[in-house]
Amino acid sequence: MMPEPLLLTDFGAMRGGRALADPLTVRIEPGAVLGIVGPNGVGKSSLLGAIAHTGISSYGEISFGDHNLTRMSARQRAKHIALMAQDHGAPGELRVRELVGVGAWASERKYPSMAVDRALDQAGIAHLADRSYAGLSGGQRQLVQFARVLAQQTPVVVLDEPTSALDLFHQGAVERIMRDLGEEGRIVIAAIHDLSLALNACTDVLLLHPGGVAHHGPPQEVLHPERVFDAYGVHTSIHTTEQGRHMLATADPRTDFTSIRKDT
């Protein structure tokens, strides 16, 4: 499979017949790990759903190479793009291996059982393969859904808050896998609340503002303290550890909220 770019042209999500943000024209190159960040309610999940064409209304066009994804059937699209949504619901009677297998089935992998085994290993949940999905914790369910997306083996992977329910160890594992997918030449698009994760895991960041304005570019450029304050109303600073990890620190919330009250 030749690496191809993903192009959003005057694209956006809609709710109730209204555009949720300004139209986006963004070219996402193979190997990119794009973090979509912004305050609650700004439309990150809706944008991901529109990109994956999962019933969210959209406008504009989205293409992958020469393929117009907005005009494809669901079966054709499943070979190009996979989505892990925030809703981790699934029939509780399914075993983990069966649910992960749905991903391999959706994209018609040539060797589905091998794709499932690899995805279970990647997500670190091979030991859960025969467990009932209903008996898992929230974090375990999130990892199962992540493995389902990995088993789909698509060139574009879309993740909605992939680490929200995970402990520190598994957060690190998911971050590593996201970067590994990029190094394989795939495109990863993830909605992320943890801005430190965005700084470390992503090659690019798309910052959505409540007013509809968006900034796209390298993480440390887009997550500059002034832009973060404009979007979130919180003062921040970026620090780099001796190991090269970037950490975004916030000011004392009492100080921030006091200054906001005085300014409004």
Protein backbone atom coordinates (compact mmCIF):
# COMPACT_ATOMS: atom_id res chain seq x y z
CA MET A 1 0.00 0.00 0.00
CA MET A 2 1.60 3.26 -1.16
CA PRO A 3 1.56 6.10 1.41
CA GLU A 4 -0.87 8.83 0.36
CA PRO A 5 -1.87 12.15 1.93
CA LEU A 6 -5.24 12.89 3.49
CA LEU A 7 -6.71 16.18 2.29
CA LEU A 8 -9.54 18.09 3.94
CA THR A 9 -10.90 20.77 1.61
CA ASP A 10 -13.25 23.41 3.06
CA PHE A 11 -14.27 20.61 5.42
CA GLY A 12 -16.10 20.62 8.72
CA ALA A 13 -18.70 18.97 10.92
CA MET A 14 -22.27 20.14 11.30
CA ARG A 15 -24.81 19.91 14.09
CA GLY A 16 -28.45 20.89 13.68
CA GLY A 17 -27.70 22.25 10.23
CA ARG A 18 -25.01 24.58 11.62
CA ALA A 19 -21.27 24.41 10.97
CA LEU A 20 -19.39 23.84 14.24
CA ALA A 21 -16.27 25.71 13.15
CA ASP A 22 -14.70 27.55 10.26
CA PRO A 23 -14.04 25.38 7.16
CA LEU A 24 -10.75 23.50 7.35
CA THR A 25 -8.36 23.00 4.45
CA VAL A 26 -5.57 20.80 5.77
CA ARG A 27 -3.16 18.42 4.05
CA ILE A 28 -2.03 15.57 6.33
CA GLU A 29 1.03 13.77 5.04
CA PRO A 30 1.79 10.05 5.44
CA GLY A 31 3.56 9.45 8.72
CA ALA A 32 1.85 12.35 10.47
CA VAL A 33 0.44 11.97 13.96
CA LEU A 34 -2.04 14.83 14.18
CA GLY A 35 -3.40 15.82 17.57
CA ILE A 36 -6.70 17.70 17.59
CA VAL A 37 -6.97 19.79 20.74
CA GLY A 38 -9.27 22.46 22.10
CA PRO A 39 -11.70 23.19 24.95
CA ASN A 40 -14.73 21.04 25.76
CA GLY A 41 -17.59 21.52 23.32
CA VAL A 42 -15.47 22.92 20.52
CA GLY A 43 -16.32 19.99 18.23
CA LYS A 44 -13.28 17.68 18.33
CA SER A 45 -15.31 14.46 18.47
CA SER A 46 -17.74 15.72 15.84
CA LEU A 47 -14.84 16.53 13.51
CA LEU A 48 -13.41 13.03 13.96
CA GLY A 49 -16.81 11.48 13.31
CA ALA A 50 -17.18 13.57 10.17
CA ILE A 51 -13.71 12.55 8.95
CA ALA A 52 -14.54 8.87 9.50
CA HIS A 53 -18.05 9.41 8.07
CA THR A 54 -19.83 7.73 10.98
CA GLY A 55 -23.18 9.51 10.72
CA ILE A 56 -21.95 12.99 11.67
CA SER A 57 -23.12 15.55 9.11
CA SER A 58 -20.32 17.31 7.26
CA TYR A 59 -19.62 19.75 4.47
CA GLY A 60 -16.73 20.05 2.04
CA GLU A 61 -14.67 17.13 0.85
CA ILE A 62 -12.14 14.71 2.28
CA SER A 63 -9.90 12.63 0.06
CA PHE A 64 -7.20 10.04 0.60
CA GLY A 65 -4.89 10.14 -2.39
CA ASP A 66 -7.15 9.80 -5.41
CA HIS A 67 -10.04 8.41 -3.33
CA ASN A 68 -12.89 10.71 -2.32
CA LEU A 69 -13.91 9.30 1.08
CA THR A 70 -17.16 11.27 1.22
CA ARG A 71 -18.47 9.37 -1.81
CA MET A 72 -17.41 5.86 -0.80
CA SER A 73 -19.58 3.09 0.56
CA ALA A 74 -19.06 2.14 4.20
CA ARG A 75 -17.36 -1.11 3.13
CA GLN A 76 -14.92 0.69 0.84
CA ARG A 77 -14.18 3.35 3.45
CA ALA A 78 -13.41 0.70 6.10
CA LYS A 79 -10.37 -0.32 4.06
CA HIS A 80 -8.95 3.20 4.28
CA ILE A 81 -9.96 4.63 7.66
CA ALA A 82 -10.70 3.23 11.12
CA LEU A 83 -12.26 5.05 14.07
CA MET A 84 -12.05 4.47 17.80
CA ALA A 85 -14.88 6.53 19.30
CA GLN A 86 -15.30 7.61 22.91
CA ASP A 87 -18.31 5.33 23.28
CA HIS A 88 -16.85 1.93 24.08
CA GLY A 89 -20.17 0.12 23.97
CA ALA A 90 -20.40 -3.33 22.35
CA PRO A 91 -22.44 -6.49 22.87
CA GLY A 92 -21.36 -7.70 26.31
CA GLU A 93 -21.56 -11.37 25.39
CA LEU A 94 -18.74 -11.01 22.86
CA ARG A 95 -15.30 -12.29 23.78
CA VAL A 96 -12.41 -9.88 23.41
CA ARG A 97 -10.96 -11.81 20.47
CA GLU A 98 -14.33 -11.71 18.69
CA LEU A 99 -14.69 -7.97 19.14
CA VAL A 100 -11.16 -7.25 17.96
CA GLY A 101 -11.90 -9.51 15.00
CA VAL A 102 -14.64 -7.12 13.91
CA GLY A 103 -11.89 -4.73 12.83
CA ALA A 104 -10.15 -7.32 10.67
CA TRP A 105 -13.49 -8.35 9.19
CA ALA A 106 -14.55 -4.76 8.43
CA SER A 107 -11.51 -4.11 6.22
CA GLU A 108 -11.45 -7.65 4.79
CA ARG A 109 -7.91 -8.48 5.90
CA LYS A 110 -6.42 -11.40 3.98
CA TYR A 111 -5.33 -13.18 7.16
CA PRO A 112 -7.79 -11.93 9.81
CA SER A 113 -6.66 -14.23 12.62
CA MET A 114 -3.07 -13.01 12.24
CA ALA A 115 -4.28 -9.39 12.26
CA VAL A 116 -6.22 -10.05 15.47
CA ASP A 117 -3.27 -11.74 17.20
CA ARG A 118 -0.95 -8.87 16.24
CA ALA A 119 -3.42 -6.24 17.44
CA LEU A 120 -3.93 -8.00 20.78
CA ASP A 121 -0.16 -8.14 21.27
CA GLN A 122 0.31 -4.49 20.25
CA ALA A 123 -2.33 -3.31 22.71
CA GLY A 124 -0.90 -5.55 25.45
CA ILE A 125 -4.16 -7.42 26.02
CA ALA A 126 -3.45 -10.90 24.61
CA HIS A 127 -4.14 -12.26 28.11
CA LEU A 128 -7.72 -10.92 27.83
CA ALA A 129 -8.48 -12.61 24.51
CA ASP A 130 -10.97 -15.12 25.91
CA ARG A 131 -12.55 -12.80 28.47
CA SER A 132 -16.10 -11.53 28.11
CA TYR A 133 -16.21 -7.86 27.10
CA ALA A 134 -18.93 -7.25 29.69
CA GLY A 135 -16.59 -8.24 32.52
CA LEU A 136 -13.84 -5.75 31.69
CA SER A 137 -13.01 -2.46 33.37
CA GLY A 138 -13.40 0.84 31.52
CA GLY A 139 -9.69 1.04 30.80
CA GLN A 140 -9.57 -2.55 29.54
CA ARG A 141 -12.51 -1.85 27.24
CA GLN A 142 -10.68 1.15 25.84
CA LEU A 143 -7.67 -1.03 25.05
CA VAL A 144 -9.93 -3.61 23.37
CA GLN A 145 -11.43 -0.92 21.14
CA PHE A 146 -7.92 0.31 20.38
CA ALA A 147 -6.93 -3.24 19.39
CA ARG A 148 -10.03 -3.47 17.17
CA VAL A 149 -8.84 -0.40 15.27
CA LEU A 150 -5.31 -1.80 15.00
CA ALA A 151 -6.69 -5.07 13.59
CA GLN A 152 -8.41 -3.10 10.84
CA GLN A 153 -4.92 -2.21 9.54
CA THR A 154 -6.03 0.91 7.69
CA PRO A 155 -3.68 3.61 6.39
CA VAL A 156 -5.65 6.24 8.33
CA VAL A 157 -6.35 5.71 12.05
CA VAL A 158 -8.71 8.06 13.92
CA LEU A 159 -8.72 7.98 17.73
CA ASP A 160 -11.06 9.90 20.04
CA GLU A 161 -9.43 10.41 23.46
CA PRO A 162 -7.39 7.16 23.21
CA THR A 163 -5.83 7.45 26.71
CA SER A 164 -8.68 8.99 28.72
CA ALA A 165 -9.37 5.92 30.92
CA LEU A 166 -5.85 4.46 31.03
CA ASP A 167 -3.23 4.25 33.77
CA LEU A 168 0.25 5.70 33.31
CA PHE A 169 1.75 2.49 31.91
CA HIS A 170 -0.94 2.05 29.26
CA GLN A 171 -0.94 5.75 28.39
CA GLY A 172 2.73 5.36 27.54
CA ALA A 173 2.03 2.21 25.53
CA VAL A 174 -0.66 3.92 23.45
CA GLU A 175 1.60 6.91 22.85
CA ARG A 176 4.35 4.58 21.63
CA ILE A 177 1.96 2.76 19.28
CA MET A 178 0.68 6.05 17.85
CA ARG A 179 4.25 7.06 17.04
CA ASP A 180 5.02 3.59 15.66
CA LEU A 181 2.03 3.82 13.30
CA GLY A 182 3.33 7.14 12.04
CA GLU A 183 6.78 5.68 11.48
CA GLU A 184 5.12 2.94 9.39
CA GLY A 185 3.83 5.69 7.08
CA ARG A 186 0.27 5.68 8.34
CA ILE A 187 -1.73 8.77 9.27
CA VAL A 188 -2.95 9.01 12.86
CA ILE A 189 -5.52 11.63 13.89
CA ALA A 190 -6.35 11.81 17.61
CA ALA A 191 -8.52 14.09 19.71
CA ILE A 192 -6.48 14.76 22.84
CA HIS A 193 -7.19 16.64 26.08
CA ASP A 194 -3.73 16.04 27.57
CA LEU A 195 -1.62 18.75 25.96
CA SER A 196 1.60 17.17 27.27
CA LEU A 197 0.66 14.02 25.36
CA ALA A 198 0.09 16.13 22.26
CA LEU A 199 3.55 17.69 22.65
CA ASN A 200 5.25 14.30 22.88
CA ALA A 201 3.21 11.98 20.65
CA CYS A 202 2.27 14.25 17.77
CA THR A 203 4.14 15.56 14.75
CA ASP A 204 1.40 18.15 14.15
CA VAL A 205 -1.36 19.76 16.19
CA LEU A 206 -4.67 21.30 15.15
CA LEU A 207 -5.93 23.69 17.85
CA LEU A 208 -9.64 24.46 17.61
CA HIS A 209 -10.92 27.67 19.21
CA PRO A 210 -14.46 28.22 20.52
CA GLY A 211 -14.86 31.04 17.99
CA GLY A 212 -14.18 28.73 15.07
CA VAL A 213 -10.58 29.77 14.36
CA ALA A 214 -8.04 26.95 14.02
CA HIS A 215 -4.23 26.80 14.17
CA HIS A 216 -2.30 23.96 12.51
CA GLY A 217 1.41 23.27 12.75
CA PRO A 218 4.21 21.80 14.90
CA PRO A 219 3.15 21.08 18.51
CA GLN A 220 5.40 23.57 20.30
CA GLU A 221 4.42 26.31 17.85
CA VAL A 222 0.68 25.70 18.03
CA LEU A 223 0.66 25.13 21.80
CA HIS A 224 2.48 28.37 22.49
CA PRO A 225 1.28 29.79 25.85
CA GLU A 226 -0.43 32.78 24.22
CA ARG A 227 -2.45 30.58 21.87
CA VAL A 228 -3.33 28.17 24.67
CA PHE A 229 -4.55 31.08 26.79
CA ASP A 230 -6.64 32.42 23.89
CA ALA A 231 -8.32 29.03 23.51
CA TYR A 232 -8.58 27.82 27.12
CA GLY A 233 -8.24 30.95 29.27
CA VAL A 234 -5.44 29.29 31.24
CA HIS A 235 -1.83 30.43 31.63
CA THR A 236 0.69 27.71 30.74
CA SER A 237 4.38 27.12 30.17
CA ILE A 238 6.31 24.35 28.40
CA HIS A 239 9.20 22.58 30.14
CA THR A 240 11.59 19.96 28.77
CA THR A 241 13.02 17.19 30.92
CA GLU A 242 16.57 15.85 30.74
CA GLN A 243 15.16 12.89 28.79
CA GLY A 244 13.70 15.23 26.16
CA ARG A 245 10.07 14.89 27.27
CA HIS A 246 7.96 18.03 26.97
CA MET A 247 5.58 18.92 29.79
CA LEU A 248 2.91 21.60 29.64
CA ALA A 249 2.39 23.09 33.10
CA THR A 250 -0.56 25.26 34.12
CA ALA A 251 -0.52 28.17 36.51
CA ASP A 252 -2.23 27.95 39.90
CA PRO A 253 -5.95 27.61 38.98
CA ARG A 254 -6.88 30.05 41.77
CA THR A 255 -4.67 32.70 40.18
CA ASP A 256 -6.04 32.06 36.68
CA PHE A 257 -9.69 32.07 37.68
CA THR A 258 -9.21 35.23 39.75
CA SER A 259 -7.64 37.06 36.81
CA ILE A 260 -10.40 35.86 34.47
CA ARG A 261 -13.10 37.15 36.83
CA LYS A 262 -11.38 40.54 36.99
CA ASP A 263 -11.10 40.75 33.22
CA THR A 264 -14.73 39.81 32.49
